[in-house]
N, C-alpha and C. Protein backbone atom coordinates (compact mmCIF):
# COMPACT_ATOMS: atom_id res chain seq x y z
N MET A 1 226.85 -116.89 -8.30
CA MET A 1 226.46 -116.42 -7.00
C MET A 1 224.94 -116.47 -6.85
N HIS A 2 224.48 -116.92 -5.73
CA HIS A 2 223.05 -116.98 -5.45
C HIS A 2 222.66 -115.83 -4.54
N ASP A 3 221.63 -115.13 -4.94
CA ASP A 3 221.11 -114.03 -4.15
C ASP A 3 220.17 -114.59 -3.07
N PRO A 4 220.33 -114.21 -1.80
CA PRO A 4 219.44 -114.71 -0.75
C PRO A 4 217.97 -114.38 -1.01
N ALA A 5 217.70 -113.25 -1.66
CA ALA A 5 216.31 -112.90 -1.96
C ALA A 5 215.71 -113.88 -2.95
N ASP A 6 216.53 -114.36 -3.92
CA ASP A 6 216.05 -115.36 -4.88
C ASP A 6 215.66 -116.64 -4.16
N LYS A 7 216.47 -117.04 -3.18
CA LYS A 7 216.17 -118.26 -2.42
C LYS A 7 214.88 -118.07 -1.64
N ALA A 8 214.69 -116.90 -1.04
CA ALA A 8 213.46 -116.62 -0.29
C ALA A 8 212.25 -116.66 -1.21
N ASP A 9 212.40 -116.14 -2.46
CA ASP A 9 211.29 -116.19 -3.41
C ASP A 9 210.93 -117.62 -3.77
N ARG A 10 211.94 -118.46 -4.01
CA ARG A 10 211.70 -119.86 -4.36
C ARG A 10 211.09 -120.64 -3.21
N GLU A 11 211.51 -120.31 -2.00
CA GLU A 11 211.08 -121.08 -0.84
C GLU A 11 209.77 -120.58 -0.26
N GLY A 12 209.32 -119.41 -0.63
CA GLY A 12 208.07 -118.91 -0.07
C GLY A 12 208.29 -118.27 1.29
N ALA A 13 207.19 -117.85 1.87
CA ALA A 13 207.25 -117.07 3.10
C ALA A 13 207.79 -117.88 4.28
N ALA A 14 207.51 -119.16 4.31
CA ALA A 14 207.89 -119.95 5.49
C ALA A 14 209.24 -120.62 5.34
N GLY A 15 209.95 -120.33 4.28
CA GLY A 15 211.27 -120.91 4.11
C GLY A 15 211.25 -122.28 3.47
N HIS A 16 210.22 -122.60 2.73
CA HIS A 16 210.15 -123.87 2.01
C HIS A 16 209.37 -123.62 0.73
N PRO A 17 209.44 -124.57 -0.22
CA PRO A 17 208.72 -124.38 -1.48
C PRO A 17 207.22 -124.24 -1.24
N PRO A 18 206.48 -123.67 -2.21
CA PRO A 18 205.04 -123.58 -2.07
C PRO A 18 204.42 -124.95 -1.77
N LEU A 19 203.26 -124.93 -1.16
CA LEU A 19 202.58 -126.14 -0.74
C LEU A 19 202.35 -127.11 -1.88
N GLY A 20 202.02 -126.60 -3.04
CA GLY A 20 201.74 -127.46 -4.18
C GLY A 20 200.28 -127.91 -4.16
N GLU A 21 199.81 -128.25 -5.34
CA GLU A 21 198.41 -128.60 -5.48
C GLU A 21 198.16 -130.08 -5.20
N THR A 22 197.05 -130.34 -4.58
CA THR A 22 196.55 -131.71 -4.42
C THR A 22 195.33 -131.82 -5.33
N MET A 23 194.67 -132.95 -5.25
CA MET A 23 193.46 -133.14 -6.04
C MET A 23 192.41 -132.07 -5.70
N LEU A 24 192.37 -131.66 -4.45
CA LEU A 24 191.44 -130.63 -4.01
C LEU A 24 191.66 -129.33 -4.78
N GLU A 25 192.90 -128.86 -4.82
CA GLU A 25 193.20 -127.60 -5.52
C GLU A 25 193.09 -127.76 -7.04
N ARG A 26 193.47 -128.92 -7.56
CA ARG A 26 193.33 -129.14 -9.00
C ARG A 26 191.86 -129.12 -9.41
N GLY A 27 190.99 -129.73 -8.59
CA GLY A 27 189.56 -129.71 -8.88
C GLY A 27 189.00 -128.30 -8.82
N SER A 28 189.42 -127.55 -7.84
CA SER A 28 188.99 -126.17 -7.71
C SER A 28 189.47 -125.35 -8.90
N SER A 29 190.70 -125.58 -9.30
CA SER A 29 191.26 -124.87 -10.46
C SER A 29 190.49 -125.22 -11.74
N LEU A 30 190.15 -126.49 -11.89
CA LEU A 30 189.39 -126.92 -13.07
C LEU A 30 188.01 -126.25 -13.09
N LEU A 31 187.34 -126.19 -11.94
CA LEU A 31 186.04 -125.51 -11.87
C LEU A 31 186.19 -124.03 -12.27
N CYS A 32 187.24 -123.39 -11.80
CA CYS A 32 187.48 -121.98 -12.15
C CYS A 32 187.70 -121.83 -13.65
N GLU A 33 188.47 -122.73 -14.23
CA GLU A 33 188.73 -122.67 -15.67
C GLU A 33 187.45 -122.82 -16.47
N ILE A 34 186.61 -123.76 -16.06
CA ILE A 34 185.33 -123.98 -16.75
C ILE A 34 184.45 -122.73 -16.65
N MET A 35 184.41 -122.15 -15.46
CA MET A 35 183.59 -120.94 -15.26
C MET A 35 184.11 -119.76 -16.06
N LEU A 36 185.43 -119.64 -16.15
CA LEU A 36 186.00 -118.55 -16.96
C LEU A 36 185.65 -118.73 -18.43
N VAL A 37 185.71 -119.97 -18.92
CA VAL A 37 185.33 -120.24 -20.31
C VAL A 37 183.86 -119.90 -20.52
N LEU A 38 183.00 -120.28 -19.56
CA LEU A 38 181.57 -119.94 -19.66
C LEU A 38 181.37 -118.43 -19.71
N MET A 39 182.10 -117.70 -18.88
CA MET A 39 181.98 -116.23 -18.89
C MET A 39 182.38 -115.67 -20.26
N VAL A 40 183.46 -116.19 -20.84
CA VAL A 40 183.91 -115.72 -22.15
C VAL A 40 182.86 -116.04 -23.21
N VAL A 41 182.31 -117.25 -23.17
CA VAL A 41 181.30 -117.64 -24.16
C VAL A 41 180.06 -116.77 -24.04
N ILE A 42 179.57 -116.58 -22.82
CA ILE A 42 178.36 -115.77 -22.61
C ILE A 42 178.61 -114.33 -23.05
N THR A 43 179.76 -113.78 -22.69
CA THR A 43 180.08 -112.40 -23.08
C THR A 43 180.21 -112.28 -24.59
N THR A 44 180.85 -113.25 -25.23
CA THR A 44 181.01 -113.23 -26.69
C THR A 44 179.65 -113.28 -27.38
N ILE A 45 178.78 -114.15 -26.92
CA ILE A 45 177.45 -114.23 -27.51
C ILE A 45 176.70 -112.92 -27.32
N GLU A 46 176.77 -112.36 -26.12
CA GLU A 46 176.08 -111.11 -25.83
C GLU A 46 176.60 -109.98 -26.74
N VAL A 47 177.91 -109.88 -26.89
CA VAL A 47 178.50 -108.83 -27.74
C VAL A 47 178.13 -109.05 -29.20
N THR A 48 178.10 -110.29 -29.62
CA THR A 48 177.76 -110.61 -31.01
C THR A 48 176.30 -110.27 -31.31
N LEU A 49 175.41 -110.46 -30.34
CA LEU A 49 173.99 -110.19 -30.54
C LEU A 49 173.63 -108.72 -30.47
N ARG A 50 174.43 -107.91 -29.81
CA ARG A 50 174.09 -106.49 -29.60
C ARG A 50 173.84 -105.72 -30.90
N PRO A 51 174.66 -105.88 -31.96
CA PRO A 51 174.38 -105.11 -33.19
C PRO A 51 173.01 -105.45 -33.80
N PHE A 52 172.47 -106.59 -33.46
CA PHE A 52 171.16 -107.00 -33.98
C PHE A 52 170.03 -106.65 -33.00
N HIS A 53 170.37 -105.85 -31.98
CA HIS A 53 169.41 -105.42 -30.96
C HIS A 53 168.78 -106.60 -30.22
N LEU A 54 169.60 -107.64 -30.02
CA LEU A 54 169.18 -108.81 -29.27
C LEU A 54 170.06 -108.94 -28.03
N SER A 55 169.57 -109.68 -27.06
CA SER A 55 170.33 -109.88 -25.84
C SER A 55 169.94 -111.21 -25.21
N LEU A 56 170.87 -111.78 -24.49
CA LEU A 56 170.57 -113.00 -23.74
C LEU A 56 169.73 -112.69 -22.50
N GLU A 57 169.72 -111.42 -22.09
CA GLU A 57 168.96 -110.96 -20.93
C GLU A 57 169.39 -111.60 -19.61
N MET A 58 170.49 -112.31 -19.63
CA MET A 58 170.95 -112.95 -18.39
C MET A 58 172.46 -112.91 -18.25
N ALA A 59 173.12 -112.29 -19.20
CA ALA A 59 174.59 -112.29 -19.21
C ALA A 59 175.16 -111.62 -17.96
N ASP A 60 174.61 -110.50 -17.56
CA ASP A 60 175.11 -109.80 -16.38
C ASP A 60 174.91 -110.63 -15.12
N GLU A 61 173.72 -111.20 -14.99
CA GLU A 61 173.41 -111.98 -13.79
C GLU A 61 174.29 -113.22 -13.69
N VAL A 62 174.34 -114.01 -14.74
CA VAL A 62 175.14 -115.23 -14.72
C VAL A 62 176.63 -114.90 -14.62
N GLY A 63 177.05 -113.85 -15.32
CA GLY A 63 178.45 -113.43 -15.23
C GLY A 63 178.83 -113.05 -13.81
N GLY A 64 177.94 -112.36 -13.12
CA GLY A 64 178.19 -111.99 -11.72
C GLY A 64 178.29 -113.21 -10.82
N TYR A 65 177.39 -114.17 -11.02
CA TYR A 65 177.44 -115.41 -10.23
C TYR A 65 178.75 -116.16 -10.48
N LEU A 66 179.12 -116.25 -11.76
CA LEU A 66 180.35 -116.96 -12.10
C LEU A 66 181.58 -116.25 -11.54
N LEU A 67 181.57 -114.93 -11.59
CA LEU A 67 182.70 -114.16 -11.06
C LEU A 67 182.86 -114.37 -9.56
N ALA A 68 181.74 -114.35 -8.83
CA ALA A 68 181.80 -114.60 -7.38
C ALA A 68 182.31 -116.02 -7.10
N ALA A 69 181.83 -116.98 -7.88
CA ALA A 69 182.26 -118.37 -7.68
C ALA A 69 183.76 -118.52 -7.96
N VAL A 70 184.24 -117.91 -9.04
CA VAL A 70 185.67 -118.00 -9.37
C VAL A 70 186.50 -117.34 -8.27
N THR A 71 186.03 -116.22 -7.75
CA THR A 71 186.76 -115.52 -6.69
C THR A 71 186.96 -116.43 -5.48
N PHE A 72 185.91 -117.09 -5.04
CA PHE A 72 186.01 -117.94 -3.86
C PHE A 72 186.70 -119.27 -4.15
N LEU A 73 186.42 -119.87 -5.30
CA LEU A 73 187.02 -121.18 -5.61
C LEU A 73 188.51 -121.07 -5.95
N SER A 74 188.98 -119.88 -6.28
CA SER A 74 190.40 -119.71 -6.60
C SER A 74 191.26 -119.50 -5.35
N LEU A 75 190.64 -119.25 -4.20
CA LEU A 75 191.40 -119.00 -2.97
C LEU A 75 192.33 -120.16 -2.58
N PRO A 76 191.85 -121.42 -2.55
CA PRO A 76 192.78 -122.50 -2.19
C PRO A 76 193.88 -122.69 -3.23
N VAL A 77 193.57 -122.43 -4.49
CA VAL A 77 194.58 -122.55 -5.55
C VAL A 77 195.68 -121.51 -5.35
N ALA A 78 195.27 -120.28 -5.03
CA ALA A 78 196.25 -119.21 -4.79
C ALA A 78 197.11 -119.51 -3.57
N LEU A 79 196.51 -120.03 -2.51
CA LEU A 79 197.27 -120.35 -1.30
C LEU A 79 198.28 -121.46 -1.58
N ALA A 80 197.83 -122.52 -2.23
CA ALA A 80 198.72 -123.65 -2.51
C ALA A 80 199.86 -123.25 -3.45
N GLY A 81 199.60 -122.29 -4.33
CA GLY A 81 200.63 -121.83 -5.26
C GLY A 81 201.46 -120.69 -4.72
N ASP A 82 201.29 -120.34 -3.44
CA ASP A 82 202.02 -119.26 -2.79
C ASP A 82 201.83 -117.94 -3.54
N SER A 83 200.58 -117.66 -3.92
CA SER A 83 200.28 -116.46 -4.70
C SER A 83 199.55 -115.38 -3.92
N PHE A 84 199.42 -115.55 -2.61
CA PHE A 84 198.80 -114.50 -1.82
C PHE A 84 199.78 -113.34 -1.67
N HIS A 85 199.24 -112.17 -1.38
CA HIS A 85 200.09 -110.99 -1.17
C HIS A 85 200.99 -111.21 0.04
N LYS A 86 202.20 -110.70 -0.06
CA LYS A 86 203.16 -110.79 1.05
C LYS A 86 203.83 -109.43 1.20
N VAL A 87 204.36 -109.21 2.36
CA VAL A 87 205.15 -108.01 2.59
C VAL A 87 206.61 -108.45 2.37
N GLU A 88 207.00 -108.48 1.11
CA GLU A 88 208.29 -109.05 0.74
C GLU A 88 209.48 -108.27 1.29
N PHE A 89 209.35 -106.95 1.37
CA PHE A 89 210.49 -106.20 1.88
C PHE A 89 210.79 -106.60 3.32
N LEU A 90 209.76 -107.02 4.05
CA LEU A 90 209.95 -107.48 5.41
C LEU A 90 210.38 -108.95 5.44
N GLN A 91 209.74 -109.77 4.62
CA GLN A 91 210.03 -111.21 4.58
C GLN A 91 211.50 -111.49 4.23
N THR A 92 212.05 -110.74 3.29
CA THR A 92 213.44 -110.98 2.88
C THR A 92 214.44 -110.58 3.97
N ARG A 93 214.03 -109.71 4.88
CA ARG A 93 214.93 -109.28 5.96
C ARG A 93 214.87 -110.21 7.17
N LEU A 94 213.86 -111.05 7.22
CA LEU A 94 213.74 -112.00 8.32
C LEU A 94 214.61 -113.23 8.06
N GLY A 95 215.04 -113.86 9.09
CA GLY A 95 215.75 -115.11 8.94
C GLY A 95 214.76 -116.22 8.64
N ALA A 96 215.27 -117.43 8.47
CA ALA A 96 214.41 -118.57 8.14
C ALA A 96 213.35 -118.78 9.22
N ARG A 97 213.76 -118.68 10.48
CA ARG A 97 212.82 -118.88 11.59
C ARG A 97 211.76 -117.78 11.62
N GLY A 98 212.16 -116.56 11.36
CA GLY A 98 211.22 -115.44 11.34
C GLY A 98 210.21 -115.57 10.21
N ARG A 99 210.68 -115.99 9.02
CA ARG A 99 209.76 -116.21 7.89
C ARG A 99 208.77 -117.32 8.22
N ARG A 100 209.26 -118.35 8.88
CA ARG A 100 208.40 -119.48 9.23
C ARG A 100 207.34 -119.06 10.25
N LEU A 101 207.76 -118.32 11.28
CA LEU A 101 206.81 -117.84 12.28
C LEU A 101 205.80 -116.87 11.67
N SER A 102 206.27 -116.03 10.78
CA SER A 102 205.40 -115.09 10.09
C SER A 102 204.35 -115.83 9.27
N ALA A 103 204.77 -116.88 8.57
CA ALA A 103 203.83 -117.67 7.76
C ALA A 103 202.81 -118.38 8.64
N ILE A 104 203.27 -118.93 9.77
CA ILE A 104 202.35 -119.61 10.68
C ILE A 104 201.32 -118.62 11.23
N LEU A 105 201.78 -117.45 11.64
CA LEU A 105 200.87 -116.43 12.16
C LEU A 105 199.85 -116.01 11.10
N PHE A 106 200.33 -115.77 9.88
CA PHE A 106 199.43 -115.39 8.78
C PHE A 106 198.39 -116.48 8.55
N ASN A 107 198.83 -117.74 8.52
CA ASN A 107 197.90 -118.84 8.25
C ASN A 107 196.92 -119.04 9.40
N LEU A 108 197.36 -118.84 10.64
CA LEU A 108 196.44 -118.95 11.77
C LEU A 108 195.37 -117.85 11.73
N LEU A 109 195.80 -116.62 11.44
CA LEU A 109 194.85 -115.52 11.33
C LEU A 109 193.90 -115.75 10.15
N SER A 110 194.44 -116.22 9.05
CA SER A 110 193.60 -116.51 7.87
C SER A 110 192.60 -117.62 8.17
N LEU A 111 193.05 -118.63 8.90
CA LEU A 111 192.15 -119.72 9.26
C LEU A 111 191.02 -119.21 10.16
N GLY A 112 191.35 -118.37 11.11
CA GLY A 112 190.31 -117.80 11.97
C GLY A 112 189.30 -117.01 11.17
N PHE A 113 189.79 -116.16 10.27
CA PHE A 113 188.90 -115.37 9.42
C PHE A 113 188.06 -116.29 8.53
N ALA A 114 188.69 -117.29 7.94
CA ALA A 114 187.98 -118.21 7.04
C ALA A 114 186.89 -118.99 7.78
N CYS A 115 187.16 -119.38 9.01
CA CYS A 115 186.16 -120.10 9.80
C CYS A 115 184.96 -119.21 10.13
N ILE A 116 185.22 -117.94 10.44
CA ILE A 116 184.12 -117.01 10.68
C ILE A 116 183.31 -116.81 9.40
N MET A 117 184.00 -116.64 8.28
CA MET A 117 183.32 -116.50 6.99
C MET A 117 182.50 -117.75 6.67
N GLU A 118 183.07 -118.92 6.92
CA GLU A 118 182.37 -120.18 6.66
C GLU A 118 181.07 -120.25 7.48
N TRP A 119 181.17 -119.91 8.74
CA TRP A 119 180.00 -119.92 9.62
C TRP A 119 178.92 -118.97 9.07
N GLN A 120 179.32 -117.77 8.69
CA GLN A 120 178.36 -116.80 8.16
C GLN A 120 177.78 -117.26 6.81
N LEU A 121 178.60 -117.87 5.98
CA LEU A 121 178.11 -118.36 4.69
C LEU A 121 177.13 -119.53 4.88
N ILE A 122 177.41 -120.39 5.85
CA ILE A 122 176.47 -121.48 6.15
C ILE A 122 175.12 -120.89 6.57
N ARG A 123 175.15 -119.89 7.43
CA ARG A 123 173.91 -119.23 7.85
C ARG A 123 173.18 -118.59 6.67
N LEU A 124 173.94 -117.93 5.78
CA LEU A 124 173.35 -117.27 4.62
C LEU A 124 172.70 -118.27 3.68
N VAL A 125 173.42 -119.34 3.33
CA VAL A 125 172.90 -120.34 2.40
C VAL A 125 171.70 -121.05 3.00
N THR A 126 171.79 -121.40 4.27
CA THR A 126 170.67 -122.08 4.94
C THR A 126 169.43 -121.20 4.96
N ARG A 127 169.63 -119.94 5.30
CA ARG A 127 168.49 -119.00 5.35
C ARG A 127 167.88 -118.82 3.95
N SER A 128 168.73 -118.69 2.93
CA SER A 128 168.23 -118.53 1.57
C SER A 128 167.48 -119.77 1.10
N TYR A 129 168.01 -120.92 1.43
CA TYR A 129 167.37 -122.19 1.03
C TYR A 129 166.03 -122.37 1.74
N ASN A 130 166.01 -122.16 3.04
CA ASN A 130 164.78 -122.36 3.81
C ASN A 130 163.68 -121.37 3.45
N SER A 131 164.05 -120.15 3.13
CA SER A 131 163.05 -119.14 2.78
C SER A 131 162.78 -119.09 1.28
N GLU A 132 163.45 -119.94 0.53
CA GLU A 132 163.26 -120.04 -0.93
C GLU A 132 163.41 -118.69 -1.63
N VAL A 133 164.43 -117.96 -1.26
CA VAL A 133 164.69 -116.65 -1.86
C VAL A 133 165.16 -116.83 -3.30
N MET A 134 164.57 -116.06 -4.18
CA MET A 134 164.90 -116.10 -5.60
C MET A 134 165.41 -114.72 -6.04
N ALA A 135 166.28 -114.71 -7.04
CA ALA A 135 166.73 -113.44 -7.61
C ALA A 135 165.54 -112.77 -8.30
N SER A 136 165.45 -111.48 -8.19
CA SER A 136 164.34 -110.76 -8.82
C SER A 136 164.69 -110.41 -10.26
N THR A 137 165.01 -111.43 -11.03
CA THR A 137 165.38 -111.29 -12.43
C THR A 137 164.55 -112.26 -13.25
N GLN A 138 164.74 -112.24 -14.57
CA GLN A 138 164.01 -113.17 -15.43
C GLN A 138 164.36 -114.62 -15.14
N LEU A 139 165.61 -114.86 -14.76
CA LEU A 139 166.02 -116.24 -14.45
C LEU A 139 165.43 -116.74 -13.14
N ALA A 140 165.16 -115.84 -12.23
CA ALA A 140 164.64 -116.19 -10.90
C ALA A 140 165.48 -117.30 -10.27
N THR A 141 166.78 -117.08 -10.26
CA THR A 141 167.73 -118.05 -9.70
C THR A 141 167.52 -118.19 -8.20
N PRO A 142 167.40 -119.42 -7.70
CA PRO A 142 167.39 -119.59 -6.24
C PRO A 142 168.75 -119.13 -5.70
N LEU A 143 168.75 -118.16 -4.82
CA LEU A 143 170.01 -117.54 -4.40
C LEU A 143 170.95 -118.49 -3.64
N TRP A 144 170.43 -119.58 -3.11
CA TRP A 144 171.31 -120.51 -2.41
C TRP A 144 172.28 -121.18 -3.39
N LEU A 145 171.95 -121.23 -4.68
CA LEU A 145 172.87 -121.85 -5.65
C LEU A 145 174.17 -121.07 -5.80
N PRO A 146 174.15 -119.78 -6.16
CA PRO A 146 175.43 -119.06 -6.26
C PRO A 146 176.10 -118.89 -4.89
N GLN A 147 175.31 -118.80 -3.84
CA GLN A 147 175.88 -118.67 -2.50
C GLN A 147 176.62 -119.94 -2.10
N SER A 148 176.17 -121.08 -2.58
CA SER A 148 176.82 -122.36 -2.27
C SER A 148 178.23 -122.42 -2.85
N ALA A 149 178.44 -121.78 -3.99
CA ALA A 149 179.79 -121.76 -4.57
C ALA A 149 180.75 -121.00 -3.65
N MET A 150 180.27 -119.95 -3.02
CA MET A 150 181.10 -119.20 -2.07
C MET A 150 181.40 -120.08 -0.86
N LEU A 151 180.40 -120.79 -0.38
CA LEU A 151 180.57 -121.70 0.75
C LEU A 151 181.58 -122.79 0.43
N LEU A 152 181.47 -123.37 -0.76
CA LEU A 152 182.41 -124.42 -1.17
C LEU A 152 183.84 -123.87 -1.25
N GLY A 153 184.01 -122.70 -1.85
CA GLY A 153 185.34 -122.10 -1.97
C GLY A 153 185.97 -121.85 -0.61
N MET A 154 185.18 -121.37 0.34
CA MET A 154 185.71 -121.11 1.69
C MET A 154 186.06 -122.42 2.39
N SER A 155 185.24 -123.46 2.18
CA SER A 155 185.54 -124.77 2.77
C SER A 155 186.86 -125.31 2.25
N LEU A 156 187.07 -125.18 0.94
CA LEU A 156 188.32 -125.66 0.35
C LEU A 156 189.51 -124.85 0.83
N LEU A 157 189.32 -123.55 1.02
CA LEU A 157 190.40 -122.72 1.57
C LEU A 157 190.75 -123.17 2.98
N ILE A 158 189.76 -123.46 3.80
CA ILE A 158 190.02 -123.93 5.16
C ILE A 158 190.83 -125.22 5.14
N LEU A 159 190.47 -126.14 4.26
CA LEU A 159 191.22 -127.40 4.17
C LEU A 159 192.67 -127.15 3.74
N THR A 160 192.87 -126.25 2.79
CA THR A 160 194.22 -125.93 2.33
C THR A 160 195.01 -125.23 3.43
N LEU A 161 194.37 -124.33 4.17
CA LEU A 161 195.04 -123.67 5.30
C LEU A 161 195.45 -124.69 6.36
N LEU A 162 194.58 -125.63 6.66
CA LEU A 162 194.91 -126.66 7.65
C LEU A 162 196.10 -127.50 7.17
N ARG A 163 196.11 -127.82 5.88
CA ARG A 163 197.23 -128.60 5.34
C ARG A 163 198.53 -127.80 5.42
N GLU A 164 198.46 -126.51 5.13
CA GLU A 164 199.66 -125.67 5.20
C GLU A 164 200.13 -125.52 6.64
N LEU A 165 199.22 -125.31 7.57
CA LEU A 165 199.59 -125.20 8.98
C LEU A 165 200.21 -126.51 9.48
N TYR A 166 199.65 -127.63 9.09
CA TYR A 166 200.20 -128.92 9.50
C TYR A 166 201.65 -129.05 9.01
N ARG A 167 201.90 -128.61 7.78
CA ARG A 167 203.26 -128.68 7.25
C ARG A 167 204.21 -127.76 7.99
N ASP A 168 203.71 -126.58 8.41
CA ASP A 168 204.58 -125.57 9.00
C ASP A 168 204.82 -125.73 10.50
N LEU A 169 203.89 -126.35 11.20
CA LEU A 169 204.03 -126.45 12.64
C LEU A 169 205.09 -127.47 13.05
N PRO A 170 205.87 -127.14 14.07
CA PRO A 170 206.93 -128.04 14.51
C PRO A 170 206.40 -129.40 14.98
N LEU A 171 205.19 -129.44 15.52
CA LEU A 171 204.63 -130.71 15.99
C LEU A 171 204.47 -131.72 14.87
N ALA A 172 204.23 -131.22 13.65
CA ALA A 172 204.03 -132.11 12.51
C ALA A 172 205.31 -132.86 12.16
N LYS A 173 206.44 -132.30 12.52
CA LYS A 173 207.72 -132.93 12.16
C LYS A 173 208.37 -133.58 13.36
N GLY A 174 207.68 -133.60 14.48
CA GLY A 174 208.22 -134.24 15.67
C GLY A 174 209.37 -133.49 16.30
N ARG A 175 209.41 -132.17 16.08
CA ARG A 175 210.51 -131.35 16.63
C ARG A 175 210.17 -130.83 17.98
């Protein structure tokens, strides 16, 4: 016997399998993996040096930049893998059409929010670059560098949202 809730879990919110990764999401995932490894290496070195009263003096700063970058660059990967939060108790009670409409509405709202965020991030990065703002740390990192990772992650999320909306909208299937 097949449980309808199991089918809904396999098919995702819109009544079909997760979007799946393209080269865009795989590249984003690879960047996240590299950054996570860098965070582990930096943290391990920092912890190893502490008993000797030594420090890299940049572990917190670089770790923070990497964490922000991973947060934003993982968004398209999470969307393509159907890993965003859902109200499952409601989704399982909806029919196939209701789940599909719910997914379209969620993706449209997410796209609107992502576009506003993208616009604000473009303004932030441009302002930081033009005014040559630097972090007030020993590294004196130009702030547009870590901010650019956030901008890239949001851009990739927008592309993934557009791809998901194209798949979900009836116009895409000629219906």
